[in-house]
Amino acid sequence: MNKRQKIYTEAPKDISKAILDGEIINDFLPPPEKLLRKEAKVKITITLNSESVDFFKKHARQNNVKYQTMINEVLNKYVQKYSERA
């Protein structure tokens, strides 16, 4: 055994009790194929001011995503927020 490994022979009673009394929770995460967003998209041409485009391009590069995806997410959030009011 190297000096970084530790073997525990007895867990403190409160931890043992918590483990024994704990509730098993079924996996609630979706499978990987359901994490991919497969929404239908419409290709458009839009004119935006250069300051806005530069902002999204800069942050897209920093986060390794497409700037169009970031703009799309902002628009989606706007639609979600104001669709609830309708």
C-alpha atoms as a PDB file:
ATOM      1  CA  MET A   1       0.000   0.000   0.000  1.00  0.00           C
ATOM      2  CA  ASN A   2       1.454   3.422  -0.933  1.00  0.00           C
ATOM      3  CA  LYS A   3       1.327   6.253   1.586  1.00  0.00           C
ATOM      4  CA  ARG A   4      -1.568   8.034  -0.187  1.00  0.00           C
ATOM      5  CA  GLN A   5      -3.947   5.108   0.227  1.00  0.00           C
ATOM      6  CA  LYS A   6      -5.881   4.757   3.441  1.00  0.00           C
ATOM      7  CA  ILE A   7      -7.902   1.788   4.514  1.00  0.00           C
ATOM      8  CA  TYR A   8     -10.848   2.503   6.736  1.00  0.00           C
ATOM      9  CA  THR A   9     -11.888  -0.362   8.917  1.00  0.00           C
ATOM     10  CA  GLU A  10     -14.705   1.404  10.706  1.00  0.00           C
ATOM     11  CA  ALA A  11     -16.810   4.276   9.475  1.00  0.00           C
ATOM     12  CA  PRO A  12     -18.142   6.675  12.096  1.00  0.00           C
ATOM     13  CA  LYS A  13     -21.537   5.513  13.301  1.00  0.00           C
ATOM     14  CA  ASP A  14     -23.410   8.560  12.013  1.00  0.00           C
ATOM     15  CA  ILE A  15     -22.119   7.959   8.470  1.00  0.00           C
ATOM     16  CA  SER A  16     -22.906   4.252   8.637  1.00  0.00           C
ATOM     17  CA  LYS A  17     -26.420   5.014   9.850  1.00  0.00           C
ATOM     18  CA  ALA A  18     -26.942   7.594   7.104  1.00  0.00           C
ATOM     19  CA  ILE A  19     -25.854   5.096   4.464  1.00  0.00           C
ATOM     20  CA  LEU A  20     -28.039   2.349   5.873  1.00  0.00           C
ATOM     21  CA  ASP A  21     -31.055   4.649   6.305  1.00  0.00           C
ATOM     22  CA  GLY A  22     -30.528   6.438   2.997  1.00  0.00           C
ATOM     23  CA  GLU A  23     -33.068   6.363   0.221  1.00  0.00           C
ATOM     24  CA  ILE A  24     -32.104   5.055  -3.210  1.00  0.00           C
ATOM     25  CA  ILE A  25     -33.024   7.575  -5.896  1.00  0.00           C
ATOM     26  CA  ASN A  26     -33.491   6.377  -9.460  1.00  0.00           C
ATOM     27  CA  ASP A  27     -31.342   8.009 -12.111  1.00  0.00           C
ATOM     28  CA  PHE A  28     -33.130  11.154 -13.246  1.00  0.00           C
ATOM     29  CA  LEU A  29     -30.704  12.198 -15.965  1.00  0.00           C
ATOM     30  CA  PRO A  30     -31.751  11.729 -19.584  1.00  0.00           C
ATOM     31  CA  PRO A  31     -29.663   9.457 -21.812  1.00  0.00           C
ATOM     32  CA  PRO A  32     -27.019  11.220 -23.937  1.00  0.00           C
ATOM     33  CA  GLU A  33     -29.066  11.080 -27.139  1.00  0.00           C
ATOM     34  CA  LYS A  34     -31.808  13.119 -25.456  1.00  0.00           C
ATOM     35  CA  LEU A  35     -29.361  15.836 -24.428  1.00  0.00           C
ATOM     36  CA  LEU A  36     -28.925  16.865 -28.043  1.00  0.00           C
ATOM     37  CA  ARG A  37     -31.314  19.560 -29.112  1.00  0.00           C
ATOM     38  CA  LYS A  38     -32.891  18.555 -32.397  1.00  0.00           C
ATOM     39  CA  GLU A  39     -35.142  21.510 -32.962  1.00  0.00           C
ATOM     40  CA  ALA A  40     -36.116  22.478 -36.465  1.00  0.00           C
ATOM     41  CA  LYS A  41     -34.325  25.631 -37.532  1.00  0.00           C
ATOM     42  CA  VAL A  42     -35.082  28.201 -40.182  1.00  0.00           C
ATOM     43  CA  LYS A  43     -32.244  29.822 -42.072  1.00  0.00           C
ATOM     44  CA  ILE A  44     -32.651  33.593 -42.344  1.00  0.00           C
ATOM     45  CA  THR A  45     -30.650  36.636 -43.301  1.00  0.00           C
ATOM     46  CA  ILE A  46     -30.534  39.323 -40.640  1.00  0.00           C
ATOM     47  CA  THR A  47     -28.666  42.587 -40.328  1.00  0.00           C
ATOM     48  CA  LEU A  48     -27.249  43.299 -36.864  1.00  0.00           C
ATOM     49  CA  ASN A  49     -25.070  46.115 -35.626  1.00  0.00           C
ATOM     50  CA  SER A  50     -21.363  45.327 -35.644  1.00  0.00           C
ATOM     51  CA  GLU A  51     -20.975  45.912 -31.897  1.00  0.00           C
ATOM     52  CA  SER A  52     -23.470  43.130 -31.139  1.00  0.00           C
ATOM     53  CA  VAL A  53     -21.901  40.706 -33.607  1.00  0.00           C
ATOM     54  CA  ASP A  54     -18.387  41.448 -32.310  1.00  0.00           C
ATOM     55  CA  PHE A  55     -19.593  40.825 -28.753  1.00  0.00           C
ATOM     56  CA  PHE A  56     -21.053  37.412 -29.621  1.00  0.00           C
ATOM     57  CA  LYS A  57     -18.061  36.416 -31.756  1.00  0.00           C
ATOM     58  CA  LYS A  58     -15.641  37.268 -28.937  1.00  0.00           C
ATOM     59  CA  HIS A  59     -17.570  35.295 -26.331  1.00  0.00           C
ATOM     60  CA  ALA A  60     -18.196  32.419 -28.743  1.00  0.00           C
ATOM     61  CA  ARG A  61     -14.454  32.057 -29.339  1.00  0.00           C
ATOM     62  CA  GLN A  62     -13.809  32.082 -25.585  1.00  0.00           C
ATOM     63  CA  ASN A  63     -16.415  29.348 -25.052  1.00  0.00           C
ATOM     64  CA  ASN A  64     -15.666  27.328 -28.187  1.00  0.00           C
ATOM     65  CA  VAL A  65     -19.185  27.633 -29.627  1.00  0.00           C
ATOM     66  CA  LYS A  66     -20.641  29.242 -32.724  1.00  0.00           C
ATOM     67  CA  TYR A  67     -21.700  32.844 -32.284  1.00  0.00           C
ATOM     68  CA  GLN A  68     -24.939  32.132 -34.151  1.00  0.00           C
ATOM     69  CA  THR A  69     -25.794  29.520 -31.501  1.00  0.00           C
ATOM     70  CA  MET A  70     -25.317  32.104 -28.753  1.00  0.00           C
ATOM     71  CA  ILE A  71     -27.560  34.606 -30.541  1.00  0.00           C
ATOM     72  CA  ASN A  72     -30.151  31.868 -31.020  1.00  0.00           C
ATOM     73  CA  GLU A  73     -30.076  31.062 -27.279  1.00  0.00           C
ATOM     74  CA  VAL A  74     -30.651  34.717 -26.379  1.00  0.00           C
ATOM     75  CA  LEU A  75     -33.610  34.869 -28.766  1.00  0.00           C
ATOM     76  CA  ASN A  76     -35.011  31.608 -27.348  1.00  0.00           C
ATOM     77  CA  LYS A  77     -34.826  32.960 -23.794  1.00  0.00           C
ATOM     78  CA  TYR A  78     -36.560  36.168 -24.884  1.00  0.00           C
ATOM     79  CA  VAL A  79     -39.343  34.167 -26.540  1.00  0.00           C
ATOM     80  CA  GLN A  80     -39.754  31.939 -23.458  1.00  0.00           C
ATOM     81  CA  LYS A  81     -39.996  34.917 -21.115  1.00  0.00           C
ATOM     82  CA  TYR A  82     -42.523  36.872 -23.149  1.00  0.00           C
ATOM     83  CA  SER A  83     -44.538  33.869 -24.388  1.00  0.00           C
ATOM     84  CA  GLU A  84     -45.542  33.169 -20.776  1.00  0.00           C
ATOM     85  CA  ARG A  85     -47.247  36.567 -20.613  1.00  0.00           C
ATOM     86  CA  ALA A  86     -49.383  35.980 -23.691  1.00  0.00           C
END
